[in-house]
């Protein structure tokens, strides 16, 4: 009997431990190109959101697992570029700003990023990373996938693809010292062989216990995303390289330690339509080399607290009731490209997000002021109640799943009548799959995503009373496409195709981690 009781207690302990442990991925949502620092007992992380604004999200954690959005490095990268503004038929999908480098030095936080669109590198600095304000420095060169390193009295910037280069910056980071520019590693791909599809990039440079470590990602042809690590005793080399990790395609990132002396490597994985999702792998040190993973594998479970923060700290529902002293829009929201702030309001009708039109657009992806949040895995849904009495002929207002192959459910005004439409852009030309007459001024709309086991499918629904939901159109595929270079996003939108001046009022946006059983 004692043996049975002991076995039951052991089983309960194992179950409790499993539920209290973190699991990979640590964030099941699109948070790529992560750069992490620790300041005392607090960790900060920056990531990439490209053509979304505000940009370069800053997240905070006390345990490396549960992260909360606390700031952005900028509201808009530049304001006078047609591509960034979605003006004159131009766009900047998949571009904007790319991988950032986050550092803390002498009481100041630095986050740098670069843009292939503008051809520039941007360095933002602040004494208060959570509240700002940010100082901005612009370098007139786009340093691809660069990394900053403060090393005694010098500041280095390392960048490149395949051939890794290095340059020193002025002490105030205001300019590069051109005469110091040189090749750091001629062929950073070498540890992975000669048959390379994606040359080594994603540089992250560290100095740990007097030695220098450079992390890169490389992708051999016919293989998977792979971590490459180079090590040197001095910044000038010689550099010795090796494969750091080759499992599940989990790669690109760097090293972080905990206050109690544990080490982890933060990396990410391409996960289909949901985007590129963060992983942690434990690190042990052998002969001054970081050894990643457990027997070279990415573990499912981690000796860290359980993941509990995706909702509400990375994505969240919103009743659109802003409070005095708070941001009008919570940090979970980002605009698709630069917004026109004169065309949205939370004040004109309290408790509602009002989206107004002021120009004619030929397509959803060229329309301004689509307000987005990340989708997330393994399954998720987003729903809203939209009032459409003030739409004009040709207007479309509703809820989307935004990527190149987008889908949406919307109210459309056609020939003076309202109808609910489902549009699928799986093919090059968006197609109206189904329409249903609407004889009232309010309608509930819902989008669902199934990323479980890479199902990557989405469905749309409508309801006239908020209780009975009806599927509309067809299930859509949710592929991750390079032209947008981003996981699918929920998007609230209103755009005009014939007449300007209409508006739609969104009562709320609700998210859930469950989808309909019919899926």
Protein backbone atom coordinates (compact mmCIF):
# COMPACT_ATOMS: atom_id res chain seq x y z
CA UNK A 1 0.00 0.00 0.00
CA UNK A 2 2.85 2.39 0.90
CA UNK A 3 4.44 1.62 -2.47
CA UNK A 4 1.22 2.56 -4.29
CA UNK A 5 0.87 5.81 -2.32
CA UNK A 6 4.54 6.65 -2.99
CA UNK A 7 4.02 6.04 -6.71
CA UNK A 8 0.91 8.24 -6.77
CA UNK A 9 2.72 11.05 -4.96
CA UNK A 10 5.65 10.81 -7.39
CA UNK A 11 3.23 10.98 -10.33
CA UNK A 12 1.56 14.07 -8.85
CA UNK A 13 4.95 15.73 -8.35
CA UNK A 14 5.94 14.97 -11.95
CA UNK A 15 2.64 16.37 -13.27
CA UNK A 16 2.96 19.50 -11.09
CA UNK A 17 6.55 19.98 -12.26
CA UNK A 18 5.51 19.67 -15.90
CA UNK A 19 2.86 22.35 -15.46
CA UNK A 20 5.23 24.67 -13.57
CA UNK A 21 8.03 24.41 -16.15
CA UNK A 22 8.53 26.58 -19.18
CA UNK A 23 8.10 24.96 -22.56
CA UNK A 24 9.52 25.79 -25.96
CA UNK A 25 8.64 27.91 -27.80
CA UNK A 26 8.72 30.44 -24.98
CA UNK A 27 6.55 32.81 -27.05
CA UNK A 28 4.24 31.16 -29.60
CA UNK A 29 3.96 34.30 -31.72
CA UNK A 30 5.99 36.31 -34.22
CA UNK A 31 8.91 37.75 -32.20
CA UNK A 32 11.98 37.29 -34.44
CA UNK A 33 15.56 38.64 -34.39
CA UNK A 34 15.59 38.85 -30.63
CA UNK A 35 18.36 40.65 -28.78
CA UNK A 36 18.37 40.24 -24.98
CA UNK A 37 20.25 41.93 -22.14
CA UNK A 38 20.10 41.56 -18.36
CA UNK A 39 20.34 44.57 -16.06
CA UNK A 40 20.44 43.33 -12.47
CA UNK A 41 17.52 40.94 -12.10
CA UNK A 42 15.57 42.27 -15.09
CA UNK A 43 15.84 41.21 -18.72
CA UNK A 44 15.01 43.38 -21.71
CA UNK A 45 14.47 42.21 -25.27
CA UNK A 46 14.15 43.95 -28.63
CA UNK A 47 12.68 42.37 -31.75
CA UNK A 48 11.71 43.10 -35.35
CA UNK A 49 8.32 44.26 -36.64
CA UNK A 50 9.50 45.72 -39.97
CA UNK A 51 6.70 47.69 -41.66
CA UNK A 52 4.58 47.95 -38.50
CA UNK A 53 4.50 51.09 -36.35
CA UNK A 54 5.43 51.98 -33.70
CA UNK A 55 8.62 49.97 -34.33
CA UNK A 56 11.34 47.95 -32.59
CA UNK A 57 9.31 46.59 -29.68
CA UNK A 58 10.96 46.51 -26.25
CA UNK A 59 9.87 43.75 -23.87
CA UNK A 60 10.64 43.14 -20.20
CA UNK A 61 10.89 39.95 -18.15
CA UNK A 62 12.00 38.82 -14.70
CA UNK A 63 12.43 35.16 -15.68
CA UNK A 64 13.41 34.99 -19.43
CA UNK A 65 10.07 33.35 -20.23
CA UNK A 66 7.22 35.70 -19.37
CA UNK A 67 7.64 38.87 -21.39
CA UNK A 68 5.68 42.11 -21.43
CA UNK A 69 5.71 44.88 -24.03
CA UNK A 70 6.92 48.04 -22.31
CA UNK A 71 7.96 50.40 -25.11
CA UNK A 72 8.98 50.95 -28.73
CA UNK A 73 12.14 52.62 -29.99
CA UNK A 74 10.24 54.83 -32.46
CA UNK A 75 6.75 55.86 -33.52
CA UNK A 76 7.73 56.07 -37.20
CA UNK A 77 11.13 55.41 -38.77
CA UNK A 78 10.76 58.22 -41.34
CA UNK A 79 7.73 60.29 -42.31
CA UNK A 80 8.50 61.49 -45.83
CA UNK A 81 8.80 58.22 -47.76
CA UNK A 82 5.96 57.01 -50.02
CA UNK A 83 6.85 53.39 -49.30
CA UNK A 84 6.60 53.80 -45.54
CA UNK A 85 3.41 55.87 -45.90
CA UNK A 86 1.61 53.53 -48.34
CA UNK A 87 1.33 56.49 -50.70
CA UNK A 88 1.18 56.62 -54.50
CA UNK A 89 0.75 52.88 -54.85
CA UNK A 90 3.99 52.10 -53.03
CA UNK A 91 4.56 50.01 -49.89
CA UNK A 92 7.33 48.67 -47.69
CA UNK A 93 6.10 45.18 -46.84
CA UNK A 94 8.84 42.93 -45.50
CA UNK A 95 11.26 45.83 -45.11
CA UNK A 96 10.99 48.82 -42.78
CA UNK A 97 13.51 48.13 -40.01
CA UNK A 98 15.21 44.78 -39.52
CA UNK A 99 17.24 43.03 -36.80
CA UNK A 100 18.13 45.22 -33.83
CA UNK A 101 20.94 45.17 -31.28
CA UNK A 102 20.14 45.95 -27.65
CA UNK A 103 22.87 47.02 -25.21
CA UNK A 104 23.31 48.67 -21.78
CA UNK A 105 26.44 50.70 -21.04
CA UNK A 106 27.25 53.24 -18.33
CA UNK A 107 23.62 53.71 -17.34
CA UNK A 108 22.34 54.16 -20.88
CA UNK A 109 20.29 51.74 -22.98
CA UNK A 110 21.04 51.53 -26.69
CA UNK A 111 18.97 49.86 -29.37
CA UNK A 112 20.13 50.03 -32.97
CA UNK A 113 18.46 48.89 -36.17
CA UNK A 114 18.88 49.34 -39.90
CA UNK A 115 16.70 49.80 -42.97
CA UNK A 116 17.25 48.65 -46.52
CA UNK A 117 14.45 51.04 -47.49
CA UNK A 118 16.16 54.20 -46.31
CA UNK A 119 19.72 52.87 -46.60
CA UNK A 120 20.45 54.01 -43.05
CA UNK A 121 21.29 52.68 -39.60
CA UNK A 122 19.48 54.09 -36.57
CA UNK A 123 20.79 54.16 -33.00
CA UNK A 124 18.30 55.02 -30.26
CA UNK A 125 19.42 55.67 -26.69
CA UNK A 126 17.72 56.44 -23.39
CA UNK A 127 18.29 56.35 -19.64
CA UNK A 128 14.80 54.93 -19.13
CA UNK A 129 14.10 52.06 -21.52
CA UNK A 130 10.52 51.67 -20.34
CA UNK A 131 9.44 55.31 -20.64
CA UNK A 132 12.04 57.11 -22.74
CA UNK A 133 12.55 59.68 -24.11
CA UNK A 134 14.79 58.34 -26.87
CA UNK A 135 17.69 60.15 -28.47
CA UNK A 136 18.14 59.26 -32.15
CA UNK A 137 21.35 59.02 -34.19
CA UNK A 138 21.29 58.25 -37.92
CA UNK A 139 24.25 56.71 -39.77
CA UNK A 140 24.16 57.10 -43.54
CA UNK A 141 24.81 53.45 -44.26
CA UNK A 142 22.64 50.38 -43.79
CA UNK A 143 24.73 47.95 -41.72
CA UNK A 144 23.05 44.60 -42.32
CA UNK A 145 22.23 42.52 -39.22
CA UNK A 146 24.72 44.46 -37.15
CA UNK A 147 25.67 44.08 -33.50
CA UNK A 148 27.03 46.68 -31.08
CA UNK A 149 29.77 45.91 -28.57
CA UNK A 150 31.05 48.26 -25.87
CA UNK A 151 34.58 47.11 -25.06
CA UNK A 152 36.44 49.19 -22.50
CA UNK A 153 36.83 52.60 -24.16
CA UNK A 154 35.85 51.46 -27.65
CA UNK A 155 32.53 50.89 -29.39
CA UNK A 156 32.41 48.34 -32.19
CA UNK A 157 29.79 47.63 -34.84
CA UNK A 158 29.92 44.23 -36.56
CA UNK A 159 27.82 43.41 -39.63
CA UNK A 160 27.56 41.52 -42.89
CA UNK A 161 26.55 38.31 -44.63
CA UNK A 162 29.14 35.59 -45.29
CA UNK A 163 31.96 38.10 -44.93
CA UNK A 164 31.70 39.70 -41.50
CA UNK A 165 33.08 43.22 -41.13
CA UNK A 166 33.80 45.47 -38.18
CA UNK A 167 34.16 49.20 -37.64
CA UNK A 168 34.68 51.43 -34.61
CA UNK A 169 32.21 54.16 -33.70
CA UNK A 170 32.86 57.52 -32.11
CA UNK A 171 32.52 57.33 -28.33
CA UNK A 172 29.11 59.03 -28.54
CA UNK A 173 28.08 56.69 -31.41
CA UNK A 174 27.43 59.71 -33.63
CA UNK A 175 29.53 58.43 -36.54
CA UNK A 176 31.75 55.58 -37.70
CA UNK A 177 35.52 55.85 -37.85
CA UNK A 178 35.86 54.93 -41.52
CA UNK A 179 39.60 54.31 -41.23
CA UNK A 180 38.91 51.44 -38.76
CA UNK A 181 36.65 49.49 -41.13
CA UNK A 182 38.03 46.01 -41.82
CA UNK A 183 37.09 42.38 -42.44
CA UNK A 184 36.65 40.50 -39.18
CA UNK A 185 36.00 37.02 -40.63
CA UNK A 186 36.43 36.46 -44.36
CA UNK A 187 34.16 33.40 -44.58
CA UNK A 188 31.92 32.95 -41.54
CA UNK A 189 30.09 30.14 -43.36
CA UNK A 190 33.10 27.82 -43.28
CA UNK A 191 32.17 25.73 -40.20
CA UNK A 192 28.96 24.66 -42.01
CA UNK A 193 30.74 23.65 -45.23
CA UNK A 194 30.83 25.07 -48.75
CA UNK A 195 27.30 24.30 -49.98
CA UNK A 196 25.51 27.33 -48.50
CA UNK A 197 22.08 28.71 -49.35
CA UNK A 198 21.97 31.59 -46.82
CA UNK A 199 25.39 33.05 -45.90
CA UNK A 200 26.20 33.72 -42.25
CA UNK A 201 24.27 36.73 -40.97
CA UNK A 202 22.39 37.82 -37.85
CA UNK A 203 25.62 38.76 -36.07
CA UNK A 204 25.55 39.07 -32.28
CA UNK A 205 28.92 39.84 -30.65
CA UNK A 206 29.70 39.31 -26.96
CA UNK A 207 32.67 39.61 -24.64
CA UNK A 208 32.52 37.03 -21.85
CA UNK A 209 35.29 36.55 -19.30
CA UNK A 210 37.82 38.24 -21.55
CA UNK A 211 37.03 36.25 -24.69
CA UNK A 212 35.03 37.32 -27.73
CA UNK A 213 32.12 35.28 -29.11
CA UNK A 214 30.30 35.91 -32.38
CA UNK A 215 26.98 34.20 -33.08
CA UNK A 216 25.64 33.89 -36.64
CA UNK A 217 23.02 31.95 -38.54
CA UNK A 218 23.83 30.04 -41.72
CA UNK A 219 21.62 27.82 -43.88
CA UNK A 220 23.33 25.03 -45.83
CA UNK A 221 21.63 23.88 -49.03
CA UNK A 222 19.42 20.87 -48.33
CA UNK A 223 19.88 21.46 -44.61
CA UNK A 224 18.39 23.65 -41.89
CA UNK A 225 18.96 26.99 -40.19
CA UNK A 226 22.18 26.48 -38.20
CA UNK A 227 23.95 28.32 -35.38
CA UNK A 228 27.60 29.21 -36.06
CA UNK A 229 29.85 30.35 -33.19
CA UNK A 230 33.25 31.97 -33.59
CA UNK A 231 35.63 32.60 -30.70
CA UNK A 232 38.77 34.70 -30.26
CA UNK A 233 41.06 35.89 -27.49
CA UNK A 234 41.25 39.39 -28.99
CA UNK A 235 38.85 41.34 -31.18
CA UNK A 236 41.37 41.12 -34.03
CA UNK A 237 41.46 37.33 -33.90
CA UNK A 238 42.47 34.81 -34.94
CA UNK A 239 38.89 33.53 -34.92
CA UNK A 240 38.04 29.86 -34.52
CA UNK A 241 34.59 28.68 -35.63
CA UNK A 242 32.30 25.72 -35.09
CA UNK A 243 28.68 24.65 -35.54
CA UNK A 244 26.89 25.63 -32.35
CA UNK A 245 23.48 24.01 -32.91
CA UNK A 246 21.75 22.22 -35.74
CA UNK A 247 18.31 21.03 -34.62
CA UNK A 248 14.74 21.86 -35.69
CA UNK A 249 16.03 24.91 -37.58
CA UNK A 250 16.24 26.80 -34.27
CA UNK A 251 18.88 29.49 -34.84
CA UNK A 252 19.88 33.18 -34.86
CA UNK A 253 20.40 34.83 -31.52
CA UNK A 254 22.93 34.96 -28.73
CA UNK A 255 23.78 34.31 -25.10
CA UNK A 256 22.28 35.44 -21.81
CA UNK A 257 23.01 34.52 -18.20
CA UNK A 258 20.79 34.50 -15.12
CA UNK A 259 21.63 36.15 -11.79
CA UNK A 260 22.31 32.69 -10.31
CA UNK A 261 24.83 31.76 -12.99
CA UNK A 262 22.81 29.71 -15.49
CA UNK A 263 23.33 30.33 -19.20
CA UNK A 264 20.90 30.15 -22.10
CA UNK A 265 20.96 30.84 -25.79
CA UNK A 266 17.98 32.77 -27.15
CA UNK A 267 17.09 31.78 -30.72
CA UNK A 268 14.04 31.53 -32.98
CA UNK A 269 12.42 29.11 -35.40
CA UNK A 270 10.48 29.52 -38.63
CA UNK A 271 7.03 28.18 -37.71
CA UNK A 272 4.91 28.78 -40.81
CA UNK A 273 1.99 31.18 -40.84
CA UNK A 274 2.25 32.23 -37.18
CA UNK A 275 5.71 33.60 -37.92
CA UNK A 276 9.14 33.23 -36.36
CA UNK A 277 8.91 32.18 -32.74
CA UNK A 278 11.43 32.40 -29.86
CA UNK A 279 13.13 29.42 -28.24
CA UNK A 280 15.54 29.10 -25.33
CA UNK A 281 18.17 26.38 -25.09
CA UNK A 282 20.33 25.70 -22.03
CA UNK A 283 24.06 26.36 -22.35
CA UNK A 284 26.98 24.67 -20.60
CA UNK A 285 30.58 25.80 -20.88
CA UNK A 286 33.36 23.41 -21.89
CA UNK A 287 36.90 24.61 -22.60
CA UNK A 288 35.60 28.17 -22.95
CA UNK A 289 33.05 27.15 -25.60
CA UNK A 290 29.29 27.54 -25.07
CA UNK A 291 27.67 24.14 -25.65
CA UNK A 292 24.06 24.63 -26.76
CA UNK A 293 21.14 22.31 -26.05
CA UNK A 294 20.79 18.94 -24.39
CA UNK A 295 23.00 16.49 -26.25
CA UNK A 296 22.86 18.87 -29.19
CA UNK A 297 19.04 18.98 -29.17
CA UNK A 298 16.52 21.70 -28.40
CA UNK A 299 14.62 20.61 -25.27
CA UNK A 300 10.86 20.83 -25.02
CA UNK A 301 10.94 21.67 -21.31
CA UNK A 302 13.11 24.25 -19.57
CA UNK A 303 14.20 24.69 -15.98
CA UNK A 304 12.43 28.03 -15.85
CA UNK A 305 8.97 29.21 -14.68
CA UNK A 306 5.95 28.30 -16.81
CA UNK A 307 4.82 30.49 -19.72
CA UNK A 308 1.82 32.57 -18.68
CA UNK A 309 2.24 35.97 -20.27
CA UNK A 310 1.32 35.81 -23.96
CA UNK A 311 -2.12 37.12 -23.03
CA UNK A 312 -2.29 39.97 -21.94
CA UNK A 313 1.35 41.10 -22.27
CA UNK A 314 2.10 40.41 -25.96
CA UNK A 315 -1.45 40.23 -27.33
CA UNK A 316 -4.66 41.33 -25.64
CA UNK A 317 -8.32 42.20 -25.95
CA UNK A 318 -9.27 45.87 -26.02
CA UNK A 319 -12.52 47.65 -25.18
CA UNK A 320 -11.22 50.91 -26.70
CA UNK A 321 -11.77 52.83 -23.47
CA UNK A 322 -8.53 54.75 -22.99
CA UNK A 323 -7.89 56.16 -19.54
CA UNK A 324 -6.33 59.50 -18.65
CA UNK A 325 -2.57 59.17 -18.33
CA UNK A 326 -2.40 56.00 -20.39
CA UNK A 327 -1.49 55.50 -24.02
CA UNK A 328 -4.55 55.83 -26.24
CA UNK A 329 -3.73 52.52 -27.89
CA UNK A 330 -2.12 49.80 -25.74
CA UNK A 331 1.33 48.59 -26.81
CA UNK A 332 -0.08 45.34 -28.22
CA UNK A 333 -1.36 47.33 -31.23
CA UNK A 334 0.68 48.37 -34.26
CA UNK A 335 -0.35 50.18 -37.43
CA UNK A 336 0.33 48.64 -40.82
CA UNK A 337 2.91 51.13 -42.18
CA UNK A 338 2.83 54.78 -41.06
CA UNK A 339 -0.63 55.80 -39.84
CA UNK A 340 -2.52 58.96 -40.66
CA UNK A 341 -3.34 60.05 -37.13
CA UNK A 342 -6.07 62.42 -38.32
CA UNK A 343 -8.12 59.45 -39.55
CA UNK A 344 -8.59 57.46 -36.36
CA UNK A 345 -10.02 58.36 -32.98
CA UNK A 346 -10.95 56.94 -29.60
CA UNK A 347 -12.45 60.28 -28.53
CA UNK A 348 -15.03 61.12 -31.19
CA UNK A 349 -17.19 58.32 -29.83
CA UNK A 350 -16.07 57.14 -26.41
CA UNK A 351 -15.60 53.40 -26.08
CA UNK A 352 -15.16 52.95 -29.84
CA UNK A 353 -12.29 52.94 -32.30
CA UNK A 354 -13.34 55.12 -35.23
CA UNK A 355 -11.56 54.55 -38.55
CA UNK A 356 -12.22 57.22 -41.19
CA UNK A 357 -11.44 57.41 -44.89
CA UNK A 358 -9.92 60.32 -46.82
CA UNK A 359 -8.71 58.76 -50.05
CA UNK A 360 -9.58 56.07 -52.58
CA UNK A 361 -7.66 52.79 -52.39
CA UNK A 362 -7.68 50.00 -54.95
CA UNK A 363 -6.76 47.19 -52.55
CA UNK A 364 -6.75 46.23 -48.90
CA UNK A 365 -2.94 45.96 -48.68
CA UNK A 366 -2.55 49.56 -49.93
CA UNK A 367 -5.13 50.94 -47.49
CA UNK A 368 -3.94 53.15 -44.64
CA UNK A 369 -4.67 52.73 -40.95
CA UNK A 370 -5.12 48.99 -40.63
CA UNK A 371 -4.66 48.40 -36.89
CA UNK A 372 -2.97 45.08 -36.15
CA UNK A 373 -2.04 42.58 -33.48
CA UNK A 374 -0.09 39.35 -33.75
CA UNK A 375 -1.89 36.07 -34.25
CA UNK A 376 -0.55 33.36 -31.96
CA UNK A 377 -0.37 29.62 -31.55
CA UNK A 378 -1.24 26.93 -31.40
CA UNK A 379 -4.76 28.29 -32.06
CA UNK A 380 -6.32 31.71 -31.74
CA UNK A 381 -9.32 33.82 -32.62
CA UNK A 382 -10.04 37.52 -32.84
CA UNK A 383 -13.51 39.06 -32.88
CA UNK A 384 -15.06 42.49 -33.07
CA UNK A 385 -18.38 44.32 -33.22
CA UNK A 386 -18.45 46.96 -35.93
CA UNK A 387 -21.08 49.63 -36.56
CA UNK A 388 -21.35 50.52 -40.24
CA UNK A 389 -24.19 53.05 -40.56
CA UNK A 390 -21.81 55.80 -41.73
CA UNK A 391 -20.03 53.86 -44.44
CA UNK A 392 -20.28 55.21 -47.98
CA UNK A 393 -20.74 53.54 -51.34
CA UNK A 394 -17.75 51.30 -52.07
CA UNK A 395 -16.45 51.23 -48.48
CA UNK A 396 -15.17 48.03 -46.87
CA UNK A 397 -14.77 47.77 -43.09
CA UNK A 398 -14.02 44.68 -41.07
CA UNK A 399 -11.51 42.17 -39.76
CA UNK A 400 -8.57 40.67 -41.64
CA UNK A 401 -5.82 38.11 -41.37
CA UNK A 402 -3.00 40.15 -42.88
CA UNK A 403 -0.14 38.73 -44.90
CA UNK A 404 0.51 38.65 -48.64
CA UNK A 405 -2.11 35.90 -49.04
CA UNK A 406 -4.60 37.69 -46.83
CA UNK A 407 -8.20 36.89 -46.06
CA UNK A 408 -10.87 39.13 -44.59
CA UNK A 409 -14.48 39.42 -43.57
CA UNK A 410 -16.05 42.85 -44.01
CA UNK A 411 -19.14 44.90 -44.55
CA UNK A 412 -19.22 46.32 -48.08
CA UNK A 413 -21.54 49.00 -49.38
CA UNK A 414 -22.59 48.12 -52.93
CA UNK A 415 -25.36 49.80 -54.91
CA UNK A 416 -26.58 51.46 -51.74
CA UNK A 417 -26.97 48.20 -49.84
CA UNK A 418 -24.92 46.58 -47.11
CA UNK A 419 -23.53 43.09 -47.47
CA UNK A 420 -21.10 40.91 -45.52
CA UNK A 421 -18.29 39.65 -47.75
CA UNK A 422 -15.45 37.18 -47.35
CA UNK A 423 -12.41 37.85 -49.56
CA UNK A 424 -9.54 35.42 -50.18
CA UNK A 425 -6.22 36.59 -51.65
CA UNK A 426 -4.60 33.16 -51.92
CA UNK A 427 -4.27 33.79 -55.64
CA UNK A 428 -2.66 36.94 -56.99
CA UNK A 429 -6.04 38.66 -57.41
CA UNK A 430 -8.21 38.89 -54.25
CA UNK A 431 -11.51 37.09 -54.82
CA UNK A 432 -14.88 37.67 -53.19
CA UNK A 433 -15.80 34.13 -52.19
CA UNK A 434 -19.21 34.73 -50.56
CA UNK A 435 -21.53 37.61 -49.75
CA UNK A 436 -24.58 37.80 -47.50
CA UNK A 437 -27.08 40.71 -47.39
CA UNK A 438 -26.97 42.73 -44.16
CA UNK A 439 -30.12 44.49 -43.00
CA UNK A 440 -28.82 46.05 -39.78
CA UNK A 441 -26.17 48.58 -38.81
CA UNK A 442 -24.13 46.39 -36.46
CA UNK A 443 -22.47 43.05 -37.12
CA UNK A 444 -20.12 40.79 -35.20
CA UNK A 445 -17.08 39.49 -37.10
CA UNK A 446 -14.57 36.79 -36.18
CA UNK A 447 -11.33 35.35 -37.61
CA UNK A 448 -9.80 32.10 -36.43
CA UNK A 449 -6.33 30.63 -36.98
CA UNK A 450 -5.17 27.05 -36.53
CA UNK A 451 -1.38 26.77 -36.41
CA UNK A 452 -1.39 23.45 -34.54
CA UNK A 453 0.93 20.91 -36.18
CA UNK A 454 1.51 23.46 -38.98
CA UNK A 455 -2.13 23.27 -40.08
CA UNK A 456 -1.84 26.97 -41.02
CA UNK A 457 -5.51 27.49 -41.85
CA UNK A 458 -7.88 30.36 -41.17
CA UNK A 459 -11.66 30.79 -41.17
CA UNK A 460 -14.03 33.72 -40.96
CA UNK A 461 -17.42 34.08 -39.28
CA UNK A 462 -20.18 36.61 -38.73
CA UNK A 463 -23.00 36.93 -36.25
CA UNK A 464 -26.06 39.15 -36.15
CA UNK A 465 -26.54 38.85 -32.39
CA UNK A 466 -23.11 37.92 -30.98
CA UNK A 467 -24.35 34.46 -30.00
CA UNK A 468 -24.92 32.41 -33.12
CA UNK A 469 -21.91 32.39 -35.45
CA UNK A 470 -22.09 31.53 -39.14
CA UNK A 471 -19.07 30.56 -41.21
CA UNK A 472 -18.60 32.62 -44.37
CA UNK A 473 -16.51 31.84 -47.43
CA UNK A 474 -13.88 29.13 -47.43
CA UNK A 475 -11.05 28.12 -45.15
CA UNK A 476 -7.89 29.89 -46.25
CA UNK A 477 -4.29 28.76 -46.19
CA UNK A 478 -1.98 30.85 -44.01
CA UNK A 479 1.48 30.55 -45.59
CA UNK A 480 4.49 32.53 -44.40
CA UNK A 481 5.58 34.48 -47.47
CA UNK A 482 8.83 36.39 -47.87
CA UNK A 483 7.31 39.48 -49.54
CA UNK A 484 5.68 40.31 -46.18
CA UNK A 485 8.28 38.50 -44.01
CA UNK A 486 5.93 38.44 -41.02
CA UNK A 487 3.50 36.14 -39.27
CA UNK A 488 -0.21 36.66 -39.91
CA UNK A 489 -1.77 39.61 -38.11
CA UNK A 490 -5.31 40.33 -37.02
CA UNK A 491 -6.25 43.66 -38.58
CA UNK A 492 -9.14 46.09 -38.09
CA UNK A 493 -9.66 48.24 -41.18
CA UNK A 494 -11.87 50.60 -43.12
CA UNK A 495 -11.07 51.82 -46.61
CA UNK A 496 -12.85 53.55 -49.47
CA UNK A 497 -12.96 52.41 -53.10
CA UNK A 498 -15.38 55.06 -54.48
CA UNK A 499 -16.19 57.86 -52.01
CA UNK A 500 -14.27 59.36 -49.11
CA UNK A 501 -15.53 60.64 -45.76
CA UNK A 502 -17.18 57.49 -44.43
CA UNK A 503 -16.28 55.92 -41.11
CA UNK A 504 -16.70 52.71 -39.14
CA UNK A 505 -16.92 52.35 -35.35
CA UNK A 506 -15.37 49.28 -33.72
CA UNK A 507 -16.81 48.57 -30.27
CA UNK A 508 -14.08 46.18 -29.10
CA UNK A 509 -11.53 43.59 -30.13
CA UNK A 510 -11.50 40.28 -28.25
CA UNK A 511 -8.90 37.54 -28.54
CA UNK A 512 -9.08 33.93 -27.41
CA UNK A 513 -6.76 30.94 -27.47
CA UNK A 514 -9.55 28.63 -28.62
CA UNK A 515 -11.28 28.15 -31.97
CA UNK A 516 -14.57 26.64 -33.09
CA UNK A 517 -14.83 22.87 -32.89
CA UNK A 518 -15.93 22.78 -36.53
CA UNK A 519 -12.37 23.68 -37.47
